[in-house]
Protein backbone atom coordinates (compact mmCIF):
# COMPACT_ATOMS: atom_id res chain seq x y z
CA MET A 1 33.06 21.21 -16.82
CA VAL A 2 36.59 20.08 -15.97
CA LEU A 3 37.93 16.53 -16.09
CA GLY A 4 41.47 15.32 -15.58
CA ASP A 5 43.57 12.20 -15.52
CA PHE A 6 40.90 10.12 -17.25
CA GLY A 7 42.95 7.27 -18.56
CA TYR A 8 44.59 5.59 -21.47
CA VAL A 9 43.84 3.73 -24.66
CA ASP A 10 44.95 0.09 -24.75
CA GLN A 11 45.11 -1.25 -28.28
CA ASN A 12 42.86 1.59 -29.47
CA GLN A 13 40.05 0.76 -27.03
CA PRO A 14 38.96 2.63 -23.90
CA ASN A 15 38.42 0.50 -20.81
CA LEU A 16 35.04 -0.18 -19.20
CA GLU A 17 35.54 2.37 -16.42
CA GLN A 18 36.22 5.13 -18.96
CA LYS A 19 33.06 4.19 -20.83
CA LYS A 20 31.04 4.37 -17.58
CA LEU A 21 32.53 7.80 -16.87
CA GLY A 22 31.66 8.96 -20.38
CA ASP A 23 28.05 7.82 -19.97
CA PHE A 24 27.85 9.52 -16.56
CA ILE A 25 29.11 12.82 -17.97
CA VAL A 26 26.65 12.79 -20.87
CA ASN A 27 23.76 12.03 -18.52
CA ARG A 28 24.90 14.70 -16.08
CA VAL A 29 25.14 17.39 -18.76
CA LYS A 30 21.86 16.44 -20.43
CA LYS A 31 19.81 16.07 -17.23
CA THR A 32 21.01 18.94 -15.08
CA PHE A 33 19.68 22.45 -14.82
CA LEU A 34 23.21 23.83 -15.12
CA ASN A 35 24.37 25.28 -18.41
CA TYR A 36 27.85 24.18 -19.37
CA ASP A 37 29.70 26.47 -21.76
CA PHE A 38 32.75 24.33 -22.47
CA PHE A 39 34.73 21.28 -21.39
CA VAL A 40 38.32 21.44 -20.11
CA SER A 41 40.49 18.35 -19.80
CA VAL A 42 43.61 18.67 -17.72
CA GLY A 43 46.81 16.64 -17.89
CA ASP A 44 47.58 12.92 -17.96
CA ASN A 45 44.80 12.10 -20.37
CA PHE A 46 46.64 10.11 -23.01
CA TYR A 47 49.09 7.74 -21.44
CA PRO A 48 51.22 5.78 -21.17
CA TYR A 49 52.79 7.27 -24.33
CA GLY A 50 50.85 10.44 -25.10
CA LEU A 51 49.71 11.50 -28.54
CA GLU A 52 51.78 11.26 -31.70
CA SER A 53 50.28 14.45 -33.17
CA TYR A 54 47.22 16.64 -32.91
CA GLN A 55 45.52 14.22 -35.33
CA ASP A 56 46.31 11.08 -33.29
CA GLU A 57 43.48 8.54 -33.39
CA LYS A 58 43.75 8.05 -29.61
CA ALA A 59 42.20 11.49 -29.04
CA THR A 60 39.20 10.54 -31.13
CA ILE A 61 38.81 7.09 -29.59
CA LEU A 62 39.34 8.07 -25.98
CA PHE A 63 37.86 11.51 -25.80
CA GLU A 64 35.49 12.24 -28.62
CA ASP A 65 33.97 8.74 -28.76
CA THR A 66 34.17 7.68 -25.10
CA PHE A 67 32.97 11.01 -23.76
CA GLN A 68 30.51 11.45 -26.64
CA MET A 69 31.50 15.03 -27.37
CA SER A 70 29.07 15.28 -30.31
CA LEU A 71 26.15 14.65 -27.92
CA LEU A 72 27.41 17.17 -25.40
CA ASN A 73 27.71 19.93 -27.99
CA LEU A 74 30.46 21.62 -25.96
CA ASP A 75 33.80 23.03 -27.08
CA TRP A 76 36.76 21.06 -25.76
CA TYR A 77 39.85 22.83 -24.44
CA PRO A 78 42.58 20.33 -23.55
CA VAL A 79 45.42 21.36 -21.25
CA LEU A 80 48.00 18.71 -21.98
CA GLY A 81 51.22 17.85 -20.21
CA ILE A 82 54.42 17.04 -22.03
CA LEU A 83 56.92 14.25 -21.58
CA ILE A 84 60.55 15.10 -22.33
CA ASN A 85 63.28 12.45 -22.27
CA ASP A 86 61.06 10.06 -20.29
CA GLN A 87 60.75 12.54 -17.44
CA ILE A 88 57.90 14.84 -16.50
């Protein structure tokens, strides 16, 4: 499963649309006949300011909690962009 450009954390809270998307993904994975081996997230996932480190709380709040990775039981492989000197 691949997902990209899924949003930002505002004051350490995902928005309602992200929560709906997370619920949809969990239901899709749990109720489909397809077997998913892993989850790939591509670019522009943690904005507007990115992550501070690989242990940044935003990754847990936005991805692991919102997209309920523990329920999906899938490995997560993020492909992250980088911002250098305020330019992409």
